[in-house]
C-alpha atoms as a PDB file:
ATOM      1  CA  MET A   1     -27.615   6.746 -76.958  1.00  0.00           C
ATOM      2  CA  GLN A   2     -31.038   8.052 -78.026  1.00  0.00           C
ATOM      3  CA  ASP A   3     -30.658   6.445 -81.458  1.00  0.00           C
ATOM      4  CA  GLU A   4     -30.015   3.089 -79.834  1.00  0.00           C
ATOM      5  CA  LEU A   5     -32.957   3.517 -77.482  1.00  0.00           C
ATOM      6  CA  ALA A   6     -35.343   4.350 -80.331  1.00  0.00           C
ATOM      7  CA  ALA A   7     -34.071   1.351 -82.299  1.00  0.00           C
ATOM      8  CA  LEU A   8     -35.246  -1.026 -79.556  1.00  0.00           C
ATOM      9  CA  SER A   9     -38.775  -0.692 -80.924  1.00  0.00           C
ATOM     10  CA  SER A  10     -40.062  -1.829 -84.292  1.00  0.00           C
ATOM     11  CA  ASP A  11     -42.515   1.102 -84.213  1.00  0.00           C
ATOM     12  CA  ASP A  12     -40.613   4.277 -83.436  1.00  0.00           C
ATOM     13  CA  VAL A  13     -40.310   7.900 -84.460  1.00  0.00           C
ATOM     14  CA  HIS A  14     -37.164   9.759 -83.457  1.00  0.00           C
ATOM     15  CA  VAL A  15     -37.152  13.512 -83.896  1.00  0.00           C
ATOM     16  CA  VAL A  16     -34.746  16.188 -82.678  1.00  0.00           C
ATOM     17  CA  ALA A  17     -36.145  19.612 -81.739  1.00  0.00           C
ATOM     18  CA  LEU A  18     -33.360  21.814 -83.065  1.00  0.00           C
ATOM     19  CA  ARG A  19     -34.401  25.102 -81.442  1.00  0.00           C
ATOM     20  CA  SER A  20     -34.946  23.745 -77.936  1.00  0.00           C
ATOM     21  CA  ASP A  21     -32.743  23.486 -74.939  1.00  0.00           C
ATOM     22  CA  HIS A  22     -32.912  20.384 -72.716  1.00  0.00           C
ATOM     23  CA  VAL A  23     -36.553  21.074 -71.780  1.00  0.00           C
ATOM     24  CA  VAL A  24     -38.315  20.671 -75.131  1.00  0.00           C
ATOM     25  CA  GLN A  25     -41.765  21.289 -73.628  1.00  0.00           C
ATOM     26  CA  GLY A  26     -40.715  24.607 -72.056  1.00  0.00           C
ATOM     27  CA  LEU A  27     -42.602  27.649 -73.321  1.00  0.00           C
ATOM     28  CA  ASP A  28     -39.662  30.062 -73.126  1.00  0.00           C
ATOM     29  CA  SER A  29     -36.807  28.079 -74.633  1.00  0.00           C
ATOM     30  CA  GLY A  30     -38.451  24.983 -76.041  1.00  0.00           C
ATOM     31  CA  GLN A  31     -40.630  23.723 -78.837  1.00  0.00           C
ATOM     32  CA  PRO A  32     -43.715  22.392 -77.055  1.00  0.00           C
ATOM     33  CA  ASN A  33     -45.465  21.845 -80.393  1.00  0.00           C
ATOM     34  CA  VAL A  34     -43.011  18.991 -81.070  1.00  0.00           C
ATOM     35  CA  VAL A  35     -44.139  17.266 -77.866  1.00  0.00           C
ATOM     36  CA  VAL A  36     -47.813  17.851 -78.712  1.00  0.00           C
ATOM     37  CA  LEU A  37     -47.409  16.377 -82.198  1.00  0.00           C
ATOM     38  CA  ALA A  38     -45.587  13.348 -80.809  1.00  0.00           C
ATOM     39  CA  VAL A  39     -48.241  12.651 -78.183  1.00  0.00           C
ATOM     40  CA  ARG A  40     -51.019  13.012 -80.752  1.00  0.00           C
ATOM     41  CA  ALA A  41     -49.281  10.586 -83.132  1.00  0.00           C
ATOM     42  CA  VAL A  42     -48.815   7.978 -80.397  1.00  0.00           C
ATOM     43  CA  ALA A  43     -52.385   8.373 -79.117  1.00  0.00           C
ATOM     44  CA  HIS A  44     -53.809   8.019 -82.637  1.00  0.00           C
ATOM     45  CA  ALA A  45     -51.744   4.903 -83.342  1.00  0.00           C
ATOM     46  CA  ALA A  46     -52.810   3.355 -80.040  1.00  0.00           C
ATOM     47  CA  ARG A  47     -56.503   4.164 -80.554  1.00  0.00           C
ATOM     48  CA  THR A  48     -56.579   2.823 -84.092  1.00  0.00           C
ATOM     49  CA  ASP A  49     -54.213  -0.110 -83.448  1.00  0.00           C
ATOM     50  CA  THR A  50     -51.899   1.031 -86.250  1.00  0.00           C
ATOM     51  CA  PHE A  51     -48.223   1.801 -86.596  1.00  0.00           C
ATOM     52  CA  LEU A  52     -46.828   5.289 -86.140  1.00  0.00           C
ATOM     53  CA  PRO A  53     -46.555   7.264 -89.370  1.00  0.00           C
ATOM     54  CA  PRO A  54     -43.079   8.038 -90.696  1.00  0.00           C
ATOM     55  CA  CYS A  55     -41.344  10.885 -88.906  1.00  0.00           C
ATOM     56  CA  PRO A  56     -41.514  13.364 -91.836  1.00  0.00           C
ATOM     57  CA  ARG A  57     -45.282  12.917 -92.001  1.00  0.00           C
ATOM     58  CA  VAL A  58     -45.644  13.933 -88.330  1.00  0.00           C
ATOM     59  CA  PHE A  59     -42.920  16.591 -88.118  1.00  0.00           C
ATOM     60  CA  SER A  60     -41.815  19.145 -90.687  1.00  0.00           C
ATOM     61  CA  GLY A  61     -40.072  22.472 -90.855  1.00  0.00           C
ATOM     62  CA  SER A  62     -36.660  23.854 -90.130  1.00  0.00           C
ATOM     63  CA  GLY A  63     -36.981  23.430 -86.361  1.00  0.00           C
ATOM     64  CA  VAL A  64     -36.912  19.627 -86.390  1.00  0.00           C
ATOM     65  CA  ARG A  65     -34.776  16.836 -87.776  1.00  0.00           C
ATOM     66  CA  CYS A  66     -36.021  13.285 -88.169  1.00  0.00           C
ATOM     67  CA  ARG A  67     -33.553  10.605 -87.220  1.00  0.00           C
ATOM     68  CA  SER A  68     -33.572   7.078 -88.523  1.00  0.00           C
END
């Protein structure tokens, strides 16, 4: 259902944190850097009144997968 939810917006980035459990922001079993990067991308887009960059430009590496 997350794909459908992300598709409701014309300006979305959908990324999966592959090495996290349900709590992505958790320090022990999560990938909090994914959350930090996402928040920074949204804040920058809001401040500059621009669209979000494509997912691969925000997130990279083996620990994430961009979804379309």
